[in-house]
């Protein structure tokens, strides 16, 4: 399964989604900082599953209908930072979608996530990440989960990965930096967190008009990979 995550920088890069679909043929695209009112229902071969409604610049998930079939979709509000309380830029920072994977005839959860800005503490972002992963379980306990997005977490990622692992998830960085706008805050901002999936690779895609670079996540079901390994060990 191929999933792209892209922070559109206040909707500036919205026109690039069709090109990303044409070039990489993802099964889903998760976006952040999109103008949620008036989003196109179809982008290339992708269809809009849902978008947040509690704020103008929010989240959306597009999916490929010949691969994924939506079952339930839910937006979640997470703990607010001081920035959120004063300026109120974002009420819902998580959008989760439970799909039927038509290729494998099983359910999977794909989510778009946008953590609090850099003015907040890492401890608050860790709280948001932990809560987000717990909330996604409400869509289907024990299902494979892939949460991608802008984590706004430029430093101390080893600590974040350890905390995520304590809750049964894996944090995966892409092969190169995803944010280079500011000299002191360059690094991997756009990440993937998963459970029940093996992440084969996370590739940083070429820069567009956003200050974030999109990432492409290549994931497969962990139990399917284990089954493939077992079959490979059988010699006749």
Protein backbone atom coordinates (compact mmCIF):
# COMPACT_ATOMS: atom_id res chain seq x y z
CA UNK A 1 0.00 0.00 0.00
CA UNK A 2 1.35 3.42 -0.99
CA UNK A 3 0.36 6.51 0.99
CA UNK A 4 1.52 10.10 0.44
CA UNK A 5 1.51 12.73 3.16
CA UNK A 6 1.78 16.42 2.29
CA UNK A 7 1.51 19.65 4.28
CA UNK A 8 0.15 22.05 1.66
CA UNK A 9 1.38 25.25 3.36
CA UNK A 10 -1.93 27.04 3.76
CA UNK A 11 -3.41 25.33 0.69
CA UNK A 12 -0.72 26.65 -1.69
CA UNK A 13 0.20 23.20 -3.02
CA UNK A 14 -3.33 21.88 -3.57
CA UNK A 15 -2.91 21.86 -7.37
CA UNK A 16 0.02 19.45 -7.04
CA UNK A 17 -2.08 16.54 -5.76
CA UNK A 18 -3.18 15.45 -9.23
CA UNK A 19 0.44 15.40 -10.40
CA UNK A 20 1.47 13.34 -7.36
CA UNK A 21 -1.29 10.87 -8.16
CA UNK A 22 -0.23 10.67 -11.81
CA UNK A 23 3.44 10.16 -11.00
CA UNK A 24 3.31 7.82 -7.97
CA UNK A 25 -0.16 6.16 -8.12
CA UNK A 26 -0.72 6.18 -4.35
CA UNK A 27 -3.59 4.33 -2.72
CA UNK A 28 -4.22 7.35 -0.48
CA UNK A 29 -3.04 10.92 0.00
CA UNK A 30 -3.24 12.52 3.44
CA UNK A 31 -2.96 16.30 3.49
CA UNK A 32 -2.54 18.97 6.15
CA UNK A 33 -3.16 22.74 5.98
CA UNK A 34 -5.78 22.50 3.26
CA UNK A 35 -8.76 24.82 2.90
CA UNK A 36 -11.43 22.33 3.82
CA UNK A 37 -14.36 24.22 2.29
CA UNK A 38 -14.77 23.55 -1.41
CA UNK A 39 -12.24 20.75 -1.77
CA UNK A 40 -12.49 18.85 -5.05
CA UNK A 41 -14.33 15.56 -4.71
CA UNK A 42 -11.93 13.93 -7.16
CA UNK A 43 -8.21 14.53 -7.71
CA UNK A 44 -6.74 12.49 -10.54
CA UNK A 45 -7.85 8.93 -9.83
CA UNK A 46 -8.42 9.67 -6.14
CA UNK A 47 -11.65 10.46 -4.33
CA UNK A 48 -12.16 12.60 -1.24
CA UNK A 49 -12.98 10.43 1.76
CA UNK A 50 -13.53 13.31 4.17
CA UNK A 51 -12.04 16.52 5.55
CA UNK A 52 -12.14 18.22 8.92
CA UNK A 53 -14.78 20.89 9.45
CA UNK A 54 -13.80 22.58 12.72
CA UNK A 55 -11.25 24.92 11.17
CA UNK A 56 -10.58 26.56 7.81
CA UNK A 57 -7.08 25.09 7.39
CA UNK A 58 -7.47 21.45 8.22
CA UNK A 59 -6.94 17.87 7.17
CA UNK A 60 -8.22 15.68 4.36
CA UNK A 61 -7.82 12.12 3.12
CA UNK A 62 -8.11 11.10 -0.54
CA UNK A 63 -8.24 7.44 -1.55
CA UNK A 64 -8.15 5.26 -4.66
CA UNK A 65 -11.62 3.70 -4.99
CA UNK A 66 -10.46 0.65 -6.90
CA UNK A 67 -8.22 -0.27 -3.93
CA UNK A 68 -9.91 1.16 -0.83
CA UNK A 69 -13.53 1.37 0.30
CA UNK A 70 -14.35 3.72 3.23
CA UNK A 71 -16.21 2.17 6.16
CA UNK A 72 -16.02 4.87 8.80
CA UNK A 73 -14.28 8.23 9.11
CA UNK A 74 -13.81 10.41 12.15
CA UNK A 75 -12.11 13.69 13.06
CA UNK A 76 -10.60 14.12 16.49
CA UNK A 77 -9.74 17.17 18.59
CA UNK A 78 -6.49 16.83 20.54
CA UNK A 79 -5.03 18.70 23.51
CA UNK A 80 -4.58 22.36 22.57
CA UNK A 81 -1.38 24.35 22.72
CA UNK A 82 -1.26 27.98 23.86
CA UNK A 83 -1.00 28.90 20.16
CA UNK A 84 -4.26 27.05 19.51
CA UNK A 85 -6.04 28.72 22.42
CA UNK A 86 -5.05 32.24 21.44
CA UNK A 87 -5.18 32.15 17.63
CA UNK A 88 -7.52 29.17 17.22
CA UNK A 89 -5.97 27.96 13.96
CA UNK A 90 -6.89 24.32 14.41
CA UNK A 91 -9.53 22.48 16.41
CA UNK A 92 -9.23 19.02 14.84
CA UNK A 93 -5.68 17.74 14.43
CA UNK A 94 -6.45 14.13 13.49
CA UNK A 95 -8.57 12.63 10.71
CA UNK A 96 -8.81 8.84 10.69
CA UNK A 97 -10.40 6.66 8.02
CA UNK A 98 -11.17 2.97 8.28
CA UNK A 99 -11.04 1.34 4.86
CA UNK A 100 -11.67 -2.07 3.42
CA UNK A 101 -8.57 -2.97 1.43
CA UNK A 102 -10.20 -4.56 -1.62
CA UNK A 103 -6.97 -6.19 -2.74
CA UNK A 104 -6.50 -8.11 0.50
CA UNK A 105 -10.12 -8.13 1.74
CA UNK A 106 -9.28 -6.75 5.16
CA UNK A 107 -9.69 -3.53 7.11
CA UNK A 108 -6.98 -0.94 7.65
CA UNK A 109 -6.89 2.52 9.24
CA UNK A 110 -5.17 5.44 7.50
CA UNK A 111 -4.92 8.80 9.25
CA UNK A 112 -3.76 12.34 8.57
CA UNK A 113 -2.18 14.09 11.57
CA UNK A 114 -0.94 17.61 12.26
CA UNK A 115 0.79 18.28 15.57
CA UNK A 116 0.91 21.61 17.41
CA UNK A 117 3.36 24.20 16.00
CA UNK A 118 6.93 24.70 17.15
CA UNK A 119 5.84 27.25 19.74
CA UNK A 120 4.52 24.32 21.80
CA UNK A 121 6.67 21.95 23.86
CA UNK A 122 7.70 18.52 22.63
CA UNK A 123 5.89 17.09 25.65
CA UNK A 124 2.60 18.47 24.32
CA UNK A 125 3.23 17.00 20.88
CA UNK A 126 4.04 13.63 22.44
CA UNK A 127 0.74 13.85 24.30
CA UNK A 128 -1.06 14.61 21.03
CA UNK A 129 0.64 11.70 19.25
CA UNK A 130 -0.13 9.28 22.07
CA UNK A 131 -3.75 10.41 22.23
CA UNK A 132 -4.11 10.27 18.45
CA UNK A 133 -2.97 6.66 18.34
CA UNK A 134 -5.36 5.76 21.15
CA UNK A 135 -8.27 7.51 19.43
CA UNK A 136 -7.63 5.67 16.17
CA UNK A 137 -8.20 2.40 18.01
CA UNK A 138 -11.83 3.47 18.35
CA UNK A 139 -12.21 2.98 14.59
CA UNK A 140 -11.28 -0.67 14.94
CA UNK A 141 -9.34 -2.21 17.84
CA UNK A 142 -6.37 -4.27 16.70
CA UNK A 143 -6.53 -3.18 13.06
CA UNK A 144 -3.38 -2.18 11.17
CA UNK A 145 -2.83 1.57 11.50
CA UNK A 146 -0.80 4.04 9.45
CA UNK A 147 -0.76 7.62 10.74
CA UNK A 148 1.15 10.11 8.61
CA UNK A 149 1.52 13.85 8.71
CA UNK A 150 3.36 16.88 10.02
CA UNK A 151 4.63 15.99 13.51
CA UNK A 152 6.47 19.32 14.01
CA UNK A 153 9.15 17.42 15.90
CA UNK A 154 12.57 18.54 14.63
CA UNK A 155 14.80 17.23 17.45
CA UNK A 156 15.01 14.35 19.98
CA UNK A 157 13.32 11.89 17.64
CA UNK A 158 15.00 8.92 19.32
CA UNK A 159 13.09 9.79 22.47
CA UNK A 160 9.87 10.12 20.49
CA UNK A 161 10.45 6.77 18.78
CA UNK A 162 11.00 5.12 22.17
CA UNK A 163 7.81 6.59 23.59
CA UNK A 164 5.84 5.50 20.52
CA UNK A 165 7.31 2.00 20.72
CA UNK A 166 6.21 1.71 24.34
CA UNK A 167 2.63 1.96 23.08
CA UNK A 168 3.06 -0.72 20.43
CA UNK A 169 3.81 1.46 17.40
CA UNK A 170 6.82 2.16 15.21
CA UNK A 171 8.00 5.58 14.10
CA UNK A 172 9.64 5.80 10.67
CA UNK A 173 11.60 8.69 9.19
CA UNK A 174 11.98 9.30 5.48
CA UNK A 175 15.23 8.96 3.57
CA UNK A 176 15.98 12.71 3.63
CA UNK A 177 14.79 15.90 5.30
CA UNK A 178 11.25 17.09 4.70
CA UNK A 179 11.53 20.69 5.92
CA UNK A 180 14.30 23.13 5.05
CA UNK A 181 12.72 26.58 5.29
CA UNK A 182 14.37 27.77 8.51
CA UNK A 183 18.07 27.34 9.24
CA UNK A 184 17.61 26.15 12.82
CA UNK A 185 14.55 23.98 12.26
CA UNK A 186 15.50 21.87 9.29
CA UNK A 187 14.92 18.16 9.47
CA UNK A 188 12.35 15.40 9.38
CA UNK A 189 9.02 16.99 10.27
CA UNK A 190 6.78 14.67 8.22
CA UNK A 191 6.74 11.18 9.68
CA UNK A 192 4.92 7.85 9.67
CA UNK A 193 3.70 5.92 12.72
CA UNK A 194 2.40 2.41 12.24
CA UNK A 195 1.16 -0.76 13.90
CA UNK A 196 0.49 -4.10 12.23
CA UNK A 197 2.37 -2.91 9.13
CA UNK A 198 5.92 -3.28 7.89
CA UNK A 199 7.21 -0.03 6.45
CA UNK A 200 9.39 -0.97 3.51
CA UNK A 201 10.49 2.59 2.78
CA UNK A 202 9.59 6.23 3.31
CA UNK A 203 10.79 8.43 0.48
CA UNK A 204 10.99 12.23 0.53
CA UNK A 205 9.60 13.46 -2.77
CA UNK A 206 10.78 16.51 -4.76
CA UNK A 207 9.93 19.97 -3.49
CA UNK A 208 6.81 21.72 -4.69
CA UNK A 209 5.32 25.06 -3.68
CA UNK A 210 5.01 24.11 -0.01
CA UNK A 211 7.69 24.63 2.64
CA UNK A 212 7.28 20.91 3.41
CA UNK A 213 8.31 18.17 1.02
CA UNK A 214 5.78 15.36 0.55
CA UNK A 215 6.65 11.85 1.68
CA UNK A 216 5.72 8.53 0.10
CA UNK A 217 5.16 5.61 2.49
CA UNK A 218 5.38 2.05 1.15
CA UNK A 219 3.77 -0.33 3.65
CA UNK A 220 2.64 -3.94 3.71
CA UNK A 221 0.74 -5.99 6.24
CA UNK A 222 3.09 -7.50 8.80
CA UNK A 223 1.32 -10.86 8.92
CA UNK A 224 1.43 -11.17 5.12
CA UNK A 225 5.19 -10.58 5.11
CA UNK A 226 5.62 -13.18 7.88
CA UNK A 227 3.58 -15.65 5.80
CA UNK A 228 5.75 -14.96 2.75
CA UNK A 229 8.88 -15.68 4.77
CA UNK A 230 7.44 -18.96 6.03
CA UNK A 231 6.56 -20.03 2.48
CA UNK A 232 10.07 -19.18 1.33
CA UNK A 233 11.49 -21.56 3.94
CA UNK A 234 9.60 -24.51 2.47
CA UNK A 235 11.76 -26.43 0.04
CA UNK A 236 10.31 -29.27 -2.00
